[in-house]
Amino acid sequence: MNSGIFTLAVYVLIASVTTSQAPPTASPTIVFVCEHGAAKSVIATAYFNKLAAERGLPYRATFRGTSPQAELSERTIQALRADGIAVPLGKPTAIDQADIESATHIFAIGCTLPDAVRKTGKARDWSDVPEDRGYDATRDAILKHVRELLDELSHARQDLNLRPPAHSLPSARPTSTCRSSPSIVTRTVQGLQQTSQSCTNAPSTSGSRYSSTRSPQYGHVTRSVSFTEPRL
């Protein structure tokens, strides 16, 4: 009999977004960064948190700076209040390693992120946000990006919810159990971290392979396991 391969594919969001509703004190998973951490990143955080809550998404954002000033921009505070938007709590703060490790997405708004951030694969750049055209133009450009980001996150959650139930997936064969030491290989290809594990169940000709692909930028993990039937 020719060998057949059965593959299971399971999509799993990172731990911070696995629940269907946000907890009362949801931890920030989105970090917006501007130079002074006092205006553009504050606008993005204020609108993101408001719209995410309205959509029932469990993501929350915070603001950081690459060269933070002492206080939030007073003009930004007044403008957000005029828009009827709650001003985020806190003062301008430099992005640090804790922010990098806990974030699923990091967005640069008119600034250059540290190398430590860019190397994670979590960073994106909103370079089209205007610098000197006034609050309204800046807000509108940021709001456009925020809405697109929320659409992206919402679609990712819908894809997760549409995955087939466990009982409808192909069953794993008994020969999938590793009796020998597995070989594990981890590599990064185009920003995706890929880990594979394979083993052969000697003396039979059957084998199994496990692989995992993590996309920090889009906040999900794809896992698959393949089993090969022994030849009869």
Protein backbone atom coordinates (compact mmCIF):
# COMPACT_ATOMS: atom_id res chain seq x y z
CA MET A 1 0.00 0.00 0.00
CA ASN A 2 1.27 3.43 -0.84
CA SER A 3 1.91 5.54 2.22
CA GLY A 4 -0.63 8.29 3.01
CA ILE A 5 -0.02 11.51 4.87
CA PHE A 6 -2.49 13.06 7.25
CA THR A 7 -1.88 16.68 8.26
CA LEU A 8 -3.45 18.58 11.13
CA ALA A 9 -3.30 22.40 10.99
CA VAL A 10 -4.20 24.29 14.14
CA TYR A 11 -4.17 28.11 14.32
CA VAL A 12 -3.56 29.55 17.79
CA LEU A 13 -3.44 33.25 18.72
CA ILE A 14 -0.91 34.33 21.30
CA ALA A 15 -1.96 34.02 24.92
CA SER A 16 -3.03 37.62 25.30
CA VAL A 17 -5.79 37.29 22.70
CA THR A 18 -7.15 33.77 23.16
CA THR A 19 -10.21 34.76 25.18
CA SER A 20 -13.41 35.79 23.46
CA GLN A 21 -13.81 38.91 25.57
CA ALA A 22 -11.33 41.35 27.05
CA PRO A 23 -10.67 41.02 30.78
CA PRO A 24 -11.48 44.09 32.90
CA THR A 25 -7.77 44.97 33.06
CA ALA A 26 -6.50 43.87 29.66
CA SER A 27 -2.76 44.17 29.29
CA PRO A 28 -1.51 46.30 26.41
CA THR A 29 -0.41 44.19 23.45
CA ILE A 30 -0.07 47.06 20.93
CA VAL A 31 2.65 49.69 21.39
CA PHE A 32 2.55 52.97 19.49
CA VAL A 33 5.84 54.87 19.40
CA CYS A 34 6.62 58.43 18.34
CA GLU A 35 9.70 60.54 18.98
CA HIS A 36 8.59 62.33 22.14
CA GLY A 37 5.88 59.91 23.26
CA ALA A 38 3.59 62.87 23.84
CA ALA A 39 1.36 63.45 20.80
CA LYS A 40 1.06 61.07 17.81
CA SER A 41 1.47 57.89 19.85
CA VAL A 42 -1.01 59.26 22.39
CA ILE A 43 -3.60 59.96 19.68
CA ALA A 44 -3.14 56.44 18.29
CA THR A 45 -3.49 54.86 21.74
CA ALA A 46 -6.60 56.90 22.61
CA TYR A 47 -8.46 56.02 19.42
CA PHE A 48 -7.29 52.41 19.30
CA ASN A 49 -8.47 51.64 22.82
CA LYS A 50 -11.82 53.33 22.24
CA LEU A 51 -12.54 51.55 18.95
CA ALA A 52 -11.20 48.17 20.15
CA ALA A 53 -13.55 48.31 23.14
CA GLU A 54 -16.49 49.23 20.90
CA ARG A 55 -15.75 46.22 18.68
CA GLY A 56 -15.37 43.89 21.66
CA LEU A 57 -11.75 43.10 20.84
CA PRO A 58 -9.44 42.15 23.73
CA TYR A 59 -6.47 44.17 22.47
CA ARG A 60 -5.30 47.31 24.22
CA ALA A 61 -2.56 49.79 23.35
CA THR A 62 -0.07 51.99 25.14
CA PHE A 63 2.19 54.84 24.01
CA ARG A 64 5.95 55.17 24.14
CA GLY A 65 8.70 57.47 22.82
CA THR A 66 12.21 57.09 21.46
CA SER A 67 13.26 60.36 23.12
CA PRO A 68 10.39 61.09 25.52
CA GLN A 69 9.66 64.54 26.85
CA ALA A 70 8.51 65.24 30.40
CA GLU A 71 4.74 65.65 29.86
CA LEU A 72 2.04 64.93 27.31
CA SER A 73 1.42 67.58 24.69
CA GLU A 74 -1.13 70.01 26.09
CA ARG A 75 -2.47 70.73 22.60
CA THR A 76 -3.01 67.01 22.04
CA ILE A 77 -4.80 66.65 25.36
CA GLN A 78 -7.14 69.54 24.56
CA ALA A 79 -7.80 68.26 21.04
CA LEU A 80 -8.62 64.72 22.21
CA ARG A 81 -11.01 66.10 24.82
CA ALA A 82 -12.66 68.24 22.14
CA ASP A 83 -13.13 65.04 20.10
CA GLY A 84 -14.78 63.41 23.12
CA ILE A 85 -11.94 60.87 23.46
CA ALA A 86 -10.49 59.86 26.81
CA VAL A 87 -6.84 60.84 27.21
CA PRO A 88 -4.65 57.81 28.03
CA LEU A 89 -3.17 57.75 31.50
CA GLY A 90 0.55 58.08 32.07
CA LYS A 91 3.48 60.21 31.02
CA PRO A 92 5.83 59.91 28.04
CA THR A 93 8.07 56.89 28.59
CA ALA A 94 10.90 55.37 26.59
CA ILE A 95 10.19 52.01 25.00
CA ASP A 96 12.09 49.31 26.87
CA GLN A 97 12.75 45.59 26.77
CA ALA A 98 9.62 44.76 28.76
CA ASP A 99 7.49 46.58 26.18
CA ILE A 100 9.23 44.72 23.37
CA GLU A 101 8.73 41.31 24.95
CA SER A 102 5.06 41.81 25.90
CA ALA A 103 3.93 43.48 22.67
CA THR A 104 2.44 41.64 19.72
CA HIS A 105 2.65 44.71 17.45
CA ILE A 106 4.86 47.81 17.63
CA PHE A 107 4.16 50.79 15.37
CA ALA A 108 6.58 53.64 14.65
CA ILE A 109 4.80 56.93 13.91
CA GLY A 110 7.29 59.41 12.50
CA CYS A 111 10.33 58.04 14.31
CA THR A 112 13.09 55.45 14.01
CA LEU A 113 12.71 52.46 16.29
CA PRO A 114 15.70 51.00 18.17
CA ASP A 115 17.46 48.05 16.57
CA ALA A 116 16.20 45.78 19.35
CA VAL A 117 12.63 46.47 18.22
CA ARG A 118 13.22 46.12 14.49
CA LYS A 119 14.92 42.74 14.92
CA THR A 120 11.85 41.22 16.59
CA GLY A 121 9.72 41.23 13.44
CA LYS A 122 6.92 42.91 15.41
CA ALA A 123 7.53 46.42 14.07
CA ARG A 124 5.74 48.36 11.37
CA ASP A 125 6.12 51.95 10.23
CA TRP A 126 3.35 54.51 9.75
CA SER A 127 5.61 56.93 7.91
CA ASP A 128 2.81 58.74 6.06
CA VAL A 129 1.44 60.50 9.17
CA PRO A 130 2.02 64.24 8.57
CA GLU A 131 4.25 66.25 10.88
CA ASP A 132 3.25 69.88 10.37
CA ARG A 133 -0.28 70.03 8.99
CA GLY A 134 -2.11 70.42 12.28
CA TYR A 135 -3.97 68.13 14.64
CA ASP A 136 -6.84 67.26 12.30
CA ALA A 137 -4.59 65.96 9.51
CA THR A 138 -2.45 64.02 11.96
CA ARG A 139 -5.47 62.50 13.69
CA ASP A 140 -7.15 61.52 10.42
CA ALA A 141 -4.03 59.76 9.10
CA ILE A 142 -3.57 57.90 12.38
CA LEU A 143 -7.25 56.99 12.60
CA LYS A 144 -7.14 55.48 9.10
CA HIS A 145 -4.27 53.22 10.16
CA VAL A 146 -5.97 52.34 13.45
CA ARG A 147 -9.16 51.24 11.71
CA GLU A 148 -7.21 49.12 9.22
CA LEU A 149 -5.31 47.49 12.09
CA LEU A 150 -8.52 46.71 13.95
CA ASP A 151 -9.99 45.18 10.79
CA GLU A 152 -6.91 42.99 10.48
CA LEU A 153 -7.08 41.85 14.10
CA SER A 154 -10.82 41.22 13.84
CA HIS A 155 -10.37 39.06 10.73
CA ALA A 156 -7.65 37.06 12.47
CA ARG A 157 -10.03 36.28 15.33
CA GLN A 158 -12.77 35.27 12.89
CA ASP A 159 -10.40 32.90 11.12
CA LEU A 160 -9.58 31.31 14.48
CA ASN A 161 -13.25 30.88 15.34
CA LEU A 162 -13.95 29.26 11.95
CA ARG A 163 -11.38 26.49 12.39
CA PRO A 164 -12.96 22.99 12.42
CA PRO A 165 -13.70 21.38 15.79
CA ALA A 166 -11.19 18.85 17.08
CA HIS A 167 -13.51 15.87 16.58
CA SER A 168 -13.75 16.61 12.83
CA LEU A 169 -10.00 16.54 12.24
CA PRO A 170 -8.23 13.35 11.03
CA SER A 171 -7.15 11.05 13.84
CA ALA A 172 -3.48 10.54 14.54
CA ARG A 173 -2.19 7.02 13.99
CA PRO A 174 -0.56 5.07 16.85
CA THR A 175 2.71 5.05 14.90
CA SER A 176 3.06 8.81 15.56
CA THR A 177 4.67 8.28 18.97
CA CYS A 178 8.41 9.00 18.93
CA ARG A 179 10.44 6.13 20.34
CA SER A 180 13.73 7.60 19.22
CA SER A 181 15.26 10.97 20.07
CA PRO A 182 13.65 13.59 17.79
CA SER A 183 15.70 16.02 15.73
CA ILE A 184 14.70 19.66 16.18
CA VAL A 185 15.57 22.50 13.81
CA THR A 186 14.68 26.19 14.28
CA ARG A 187 15.18 28.80 11.59
CA THR A 188 13.87 32.22 10.57
CA VAL A 189 12.62 32.71 6.99
CA GLN A 190 11.36 36.16 5.89
CA GLY A 191 10.55 37.18 9.43
CA LEU A 192 8.75 33.91 10.35
CA GLN A 193 10.22 31.70 13.04
CA GLN A 194 9.91 28.05 11.96
CA THR A 195 10.56 25.10 14.24
CA SER A 196 10.43 21.49 13.01
CA GLN A 197 10.72 18.21 14.87
CA SER A 198 10.92 14.83 13.22
CA CYS A 199 11.40 11.26 14.31
CA THR A 200 11.22 7.74 12.94
CA ASN A 201 9.61 4.89 14.81
CA ALA A 202 12.14 2.14 14.21
CA PRO A 203 11.99 -0.62 13.18
CA SER A 204 8.84 0.29 11.20
CA THR A 205 8.93 2.63 8.20
CA SER A 206 6.39 5.02 9.69
CA GLY A 207 7.36 8.46 10.93
CA SER A 208 6.00 11.76 12.19
CA ARG A 209 6.91 15.39 11.73
CA TYR A 210 5.87 18.41 13.79
CA SER A 211 6.34 21.96 12.63
CA SER A 212 5.47 25.38 14.03
CA THR A 213 5.52 28.76 12.28
CA ARG A 214 5.27 31.92 14.38
CA SER A 215 4.45 35.33 12.87
CA PRO A 216 5.16 38.01 15.50
CA GLN A 217 3.88 40.69 13.15
CA TYR A 218 0.42 39.19 12.83
CA GLY A 219 0.20 37.62 16.28
CA HIS A 220 -0.58 34.01 15.46
CA VAL A 221 1.07 30.62 15.43
CA THR A 222 0.52 27.90 12.82
CA ARG A 223 1.25 24.36 13.90
CA SER A 224 1.10 21.15 11.86
CA VAL A 225 1.88 17.50 12.46
CA SER A 226 2.15 14.88 9.71
CA PHE A 227 2.09 11.10 10.05
CA THR A 228 3.19 8.60 7.41
CA GLU A 229 1.57 5.17 7.36
CA PRO A 230 3.83 2.12 7.30
CA ARG A 231 3.92 0.16 4.10
CA LEU A 232 2.11 -3.15 4.25
